[in-house]
């Protein structure tokens, strides 16, 4: 079971699942175009937050492409404790 993290929104697991399912790096515009129920402004706002917590990694600064990390996959698998993710709130 995935831990409940205080800084997360209901969109965050959906975004992470999309990155895991596709297995590719994508910019916010491509994510928001291809995902239902999450607006483009939300995607643009949440991807950097997920990056700050190590769940996504920005792989192309000039074009803003993101990719899921091993830590992001571990979260989706329920292999991280909530405390581990709360501590990364720097």
N, C-alpha and C. Protein backbone atom coordinates (compact mmCIF):
# COMPACT_ATOMS: atom_id res chain seq x y z
N UNK A 1 0.84 -1.19 0.00
CA UNK A 1 0.00 0.00 0.00
C UNK A 1 0.88 1.25 0.00
N UNK A 2 0.46 2.22 -0.76
CA UNK A 2 1.23 3.46 -0.84
C UNK A 2 1.00 4.31 0.41
N UNK A 3 2.08 4.93 0.88
CA UNK A 3 1.93 5.80 2.06
C UNK A 3 1.22 7.10 1.69
N UNK A 4 0.51 7.66 2.65
CA UNK A 4 -0.10 8.97 2.49
C UNK A 4 0.92 10.02 2.90
N UNK A 5 1.19 10.94 2.02
CA UNK A 5 2.22 11.95 2.23
C UNK A 5 1.54 13.31 2.29
N UNK A 6 1.88 14.10 3.31
CA UNK A 6 1.17 15.36 3.55
C UNK A 6 1.28 16.36 2.40
N UNK A 7 2.39 16.39 1.69
CA UNK A 7 2.58 17.37 0.63
C UNK A 7 1.98 16.95 -0.71
N UNK A 8 1.54 15.69 -0.81
CA UNK A 8 1.02 15.19 -2.08
C UNK A 8 -0.43 15.61 -2.31
N UNK A 9 -0.78 15.71 -3.59
CA UNK A 9 -2.17 15.93 -3.99
C UNK A 9 -2.68 14.64 -4.62
N UNK A 10 -3.98 14.58 -4.86
CA UNK A 10 -4.54 13.37 -5.46
C UNK A 10 -4.04 13.16 -6.90
N UNK A 11 -3.53 14.21 -7.51
CA UNK A 11 -3.00 14.10 -8.88
C UNK A 11 -1.62 13.44 -8.92
N UNK A 12 -0.86 13.53 -7.86
CA UNK A 12 0.53 13.06 -7.89
C UNK A 12 0.66 11.58 -8.21
N UNK A 13 -0.07 10.67 -7.54
CA UNK A 13 0.05 9.26 -7.92
C UNK A 13 -0.39 9.00 -9.36
N UNK A 14 -1.39 9.72 -9.83
CA UNK A 14 -1.85 9.57 -11.22
C UNK A 14 -0.72 9.94 -12.18
N UNK A 15 -0.04 11.03 -11.89
CA UNK A 15 1.07 11.47 -12.74
C UNK A 15 2.19 10.44 -12.72
N UNK A 16 2.55 9.97 -11.54
CA UNK A 16 3.61 8.97 -11.43
C UNK A 16 3.25 7.68 -12.17
N UNK A 17 2.01 7.25 -12.03
CA UNK A 17 1.56 6.04 -12.74
C UNK A 17 1.66 6.22 -14.25
N UNK A 18 1.32 7.40 -14.74
CA UNK A 18 1.41 7.66 -16.17
C UNK A 18 2.86 7.56 -16.65
N UNK A 19 3.78 8.15 -15.90
CA UNK A 19 5.19 8.06 -16.27
C UNK A 19 5.68 6.62 -16.24
N UNK A 20 5.25 5.87 -15.24
CA UNK A 20 5.68 4.47 -15.15
C UNK A 20 5.11 3.64 -16.30
N UNK A 21 3.84 3.85 -16.60
CA UNK A 21 3.20 3.08 -17.68
C UNK A 21 3.81 3.36 -19.04
N UNK A 22 4.14 4.61 -19.31
CA UNK A 22 4.68 4.95 -20.63
C UNK A 22 6.16 4.60 -20.74
N UNK A 23 6.90 4.76 -19.64
CA UNK A 23 8.32 4.43 -19.65
C UNK A 23 9.18 5.39 -20.45
N UNK A 24 8.64 6.58 -20.76
CA UNK A 24 9.41 7.54 -21.55
C UNK A 24 9.50 8.88 -20.82
N UNK A 25 10.42 9.71 -21.26
CA UNK A 25 10.54 11.07 -20.74
C UNK A 25 9.57 11.95 -21.51
N UNK A 26 8.92 12.87 -20.78
CA UNK A 26 7.91 13.74 -21.40
C UNK A 26 7.92 15.11 -20.75
N UNK A 27 7.57 16.14 -21.52
CA UNK A 27 7.38 17.48 -20.95
C UNK A 27 5.95 17.59 -20.42
N UNK A 28 5.68 18.59 -19.59
CA UNK A 28 4.34 18.76 -19.03
C UNK A 28 3.23 18.82 -20.07
N UNK A 29 3.45 19.47 -21.21
CA UNK A 29 2.40 19.59 -22.23
C UNK A 29 1.97 18.23 -22.77
N UNK A 30 2.91 17.34 -22.97
CA UNK A 30 2.58 16.00 -23.47
C UNK A 30 1.84 15.21 -22.40
N UNK A 31 2.27 15.33 -21.16
CA UNK A 31 1.59 14.64 -20.07
C UNK A 31 0.14 15.12 -19.98
N UNK A 32 -0.07 16.41 -19.91
CA UNK A 32 -1.43 16.93 -19.74
C UNK A 32 -2.31 16.61 -20.95
N UNK A 33 -1.75 16.55 -22.14
CA UNK A 33 -2.53 16.21 -23.33
C UNK A 33 -3.02 14.77 -23.29
N UNK A 34 -2.21 13.89 -22.72
CA UNK A 34 -2.49 12.46 -22.76
C UNK A 34 -3.09 11.88 -21.48
N UNK A 35 -3.33 12.68 -20.50
CA UNK A 35 -3.86 12.17 -19.23
C UNK A 35 -5.21 12.83 -18.95
N UNK A 36 -6.16 12.04 -18.59
CA UNK A 36 -7.49 12.56 -18.29
C UNK A 36 -7.60 12.97 -16.83
N UNK A 37 -8.30 14.06 -16.59
CA UNK A 37 -8.62 14.47 -15.24
C UNK A 37 -7.58 15.30 -14.51
N UNK A 38 -6.48 15.62 -15.18
CA UNK A 38 -5.45 16.47 -14.57
C UNK A 38 -5.17 17.61 -15.55
N UNK A 39 -5.41 18.83 -15.12
CA UNK A 39 -5.25 19.98 -16.01
C UNK A 39 -3.78 20.29 -16.29
N UNK A 40 -3.55 21.01 -17.37
CA UNK A 40 -2.18 21.41 -17.72
C UNK A 40 -1.53 22.26 -16.62
N UNK A 41 -2.24 23.25 -16.05
CA UNK A 41 -1.62 24.01 -14.97
C UNK A 41 -1.23 23.13 -13.77
N UNK A 42 -2.05 22.13 -13.46
CA UNK A 42 -1.72 21.22 -12.36
C UNK A 42 -0.48 20.41 -12.69
N UNK A 43 -0.42 19.89 -13.90
CA UNK A 43 0.76 19.11 -14.32
C UNK A 43 2.01 19.98 -14.22
N UNK A 44 1.95 21.20 -14.76
CA UNK A 44 3.12 22.10 -14.72
C UNK A 44 3.55 22.41 -13.29
N UNK A 45 2.60 22.52 -12.39
CA UNK A 45 2.89 22.84 -11.00
C UNK A 45 3.41 21.63 -10.23
N UNK A 46 2.89 20.44 -10.51
CA UNK A 46 3.21 19.26 -9.70
C UNK A 46 4.49 18.53 -10.14
N UNK A 47 4.84 18.56 -11.42
CA UNK A 47 6.04 17.83 -11.84
C UNK A 47 7.30 18.33 -11.13
N UNK A 48 7.52 19.64 -10.98
CA UNK A 48 8.70 20.08 -10.24
C UNK A 48 8.66 19.67 -8.76
N UNK A 49 7.48 19.60 -8.18
CA UNK A 49 7.37 19.15 -6.78
C UNK A 49 7.77 17.68 -6.67
N UNK A 50 7.28 16.87 -7.59
CA UNK A 50 7.66 15.46 -7.60
C UNK A 50 9.16 15.29 -7.85
N UNK A 51 9.72 16.17 -8.66
CA UNK A 51 11.18 16.16 -8.87
C UNK A 51 11.90 16.54 -7.58
N UNK A 52 11.43 17.55 -6.89
CA UNK A 52 12.07 17.99 -5.64
C UNK A 52 12.13 16.86 -4.61
N UNK A 53 11.18 15.96 -4.66
CA UNK A 53 11.11 14.85 -3.71
C UNK A 53 11.73 13.57 -4.26
N UNK A 54 12.36 13.67 -5.42
CA UNK A 54 13.10 12.54 -5.98
C UNK A 54 12.26 11.48 -6.66
N UNK A 55 10.98 11.77 -6.94
CA UNK A 55 10.12 10.79 -7.57
C UNK A 55 10.16 10.89 -9.09
N UNK A 56 10.47 12.06 -9.59
CA UNK A 56 10.73 12.30 -11.01
C UNK A 56 12.09 12.95 -11.13
N UNK A 57 12.67 12.87 -12.33
CA UNK A 57 13.94 13.54 -12.60
C UNK A 57 13.79 14.32 -13.90
N UNK A 58 14.26 15.55 -13.89
CA UNK A 58 14.26 16.36 -15.11
C UNK A 58 15.46 15.93 -15.94
N UNK A 59 15.19 15.43 -17.12
CA UNK A 59 16.27 14.88 -17.95
C UNK A 59 16.69 15.81 -19.08
N UNK A 60 15.93 16.88 -19.30
CA UNK A 60 16.29 17.85 -20.34
C UNK A 60 15.80 19.22 -19.87
N UNK A 61 16.71 20.00 -19.31
CA UNK A 61 16.34 21.30 -18.77
C UNK A 61 15.81 22.25 -19.83
N UNK A 62 16.39 22.23 -21.01
CA UNK A 62 15.98 23.20 -22.03
C UNK A 62 14.57 22.94 -22.55
N UNK A 63 14.15 21.67 -22.57
CA UNK A 63 12.81 21.37 -23.07
C UNK A 63 11.86 20.89 -21.96
N UNK A 64 12.37 20.74 -20.74
CA UNK A 64 11.53 20.40 -19.60
C UNK A 64 11.02 18.98 -19.57
N UNK A 65 11.80 18.03 -20.05
CA UNK A 65 11.38 16.63 -20.04
C UNK A 65 11.65 16.00 -18.68
N UNK A 66 10.70 15.20 -18.22
CA UNK A 66 10.82 14.48 -16.95
C UNK A 66 10.71 12.98 -17.20
N UNK A 67 11.29 12.23 -16.26
CA UNK A 67 11.23 10.76 -16.29
C UNK A 67 11.06 10.27 -14.85
N UNK A 68 10.36 9.17 -14.66
CA UNK A 68 10.20 8.62 -13.32
C UNK A 68 11.53 8.04 -12.85
N UNK A 69 11.78 8.12 -11.55
CA UNK A 69 13.00 7.60 -10.95
C UNK A 69 12.73 6.24 -10.29
N UNK A 70 13.79 5.59 -9.87
CA UNK A 70 13.63 4.35 -9.10
C UNK A 70 12.87 4.62 -7.82
N UNK A 71 13.11 5.77 -7.23
CA UNK A 71 12.38 6.16 -6.02
C UNK A 71 10.89 6.33 -6.30
N UNK A 72 10.55 6.90 -7.46
CA UNK A 72 9.16 7.03 -7.86
C UNK A 72 8.50 5.68 -8.05
N UNK A 73 9.23 4.75 -8.65
CA UNK A 73 8.70 3.38 -8.82
C UNK A 73 8.52 2.70 -7.46
N UNK A 74 9.48 2.92 -6.57
CA UNK A 74 9.38 2.33 -5.22
C UNK A 74 8.15 2.88 -4.49
N UNK A 75 7.87 4.17 -4.66
CA UNK A 75 6.67 4.74 -4.05
C UNK A 75 5.42 4.04 -4.59
N UNK A 76 5.34 3.88 -5.90
CA UNK A 76 4.17 3.26 -6.51
C UNK A 76 4.00 1.81 -6.05
N UNK A 77 5.11 1.14 -5.78
CA UNK A 77 5.05 -0.25 -5.32
C UNK A 77 4.78 -0.35 -3.82
N UNK A 78 4.73 0.81 -3.13
CA UNK A 78 4.50 0.80 -1.69
C UNK A 78 5.73 0.42 -0.90
N UNK A 79 6.91 0.60 -1.48
CA UNK A 79 8.16 0.19 -0.85
C UNK A 79 8.84 1.32 -0.07
N UNK A 80 8.25 2.51 -0.04
CA UNK A 80 8.81 3.63 0.72
C UNK A 80 7.92 3.92 1.92
N UNK A 81 8.56 4.28 3.02
CA UNK A 81 7.81 4.73 4.19
C UNK A 81 7.44 6.19 4.01
N UNK A 82 6.33 6.59 4.60
CA UNK A 82 5.91 8.00 4.55
C UNK A 82 7.00 8.91 5.11
N UNK A 83 7.67 8.46 6.16
CA UNK A 83 8.73 9.28 6.77
C UNK A 83 9.86 9.55 5.79
N UNK A 84 10.17 8.59 4.91
CA UNK A 84 11.23 8.78 3.92
C UNK A 84 10.88 9.92 2.96
N UNK A 85 9.62 10.01 2.59
CA UNK A 85 9.20 11.07 1.67
C UNK A 85 8.98 12.39 2.36
N UNK A 86 8.57 12.36 3.61
CA UNK A 86 8.40 13.62 4.37
C UNK A 86 9.75 14.28 4.59
N UNK A 87 10.78 13.46 4.85
CA UNK A 87 12.12 14.00 5.11
C UNK A 87 12.72 14.69 3.90
N UNK A 88 12.28 14.31 2.71
CA UNK A 88 12.85 14.93 1.51
C UNK A 88 12.18 16.25 1.17
N UNK A 89 11.46 16.82 2.08
CA UNK A 89 10.71 18.07 1.86
C UNK A 89 11.58 19.31 2.07
N UNK A 90 12.79 19.29 1.55
CA UNK A 90 13.73 20.41 1.71
C UNK A 90 13.46 21.50 0.71
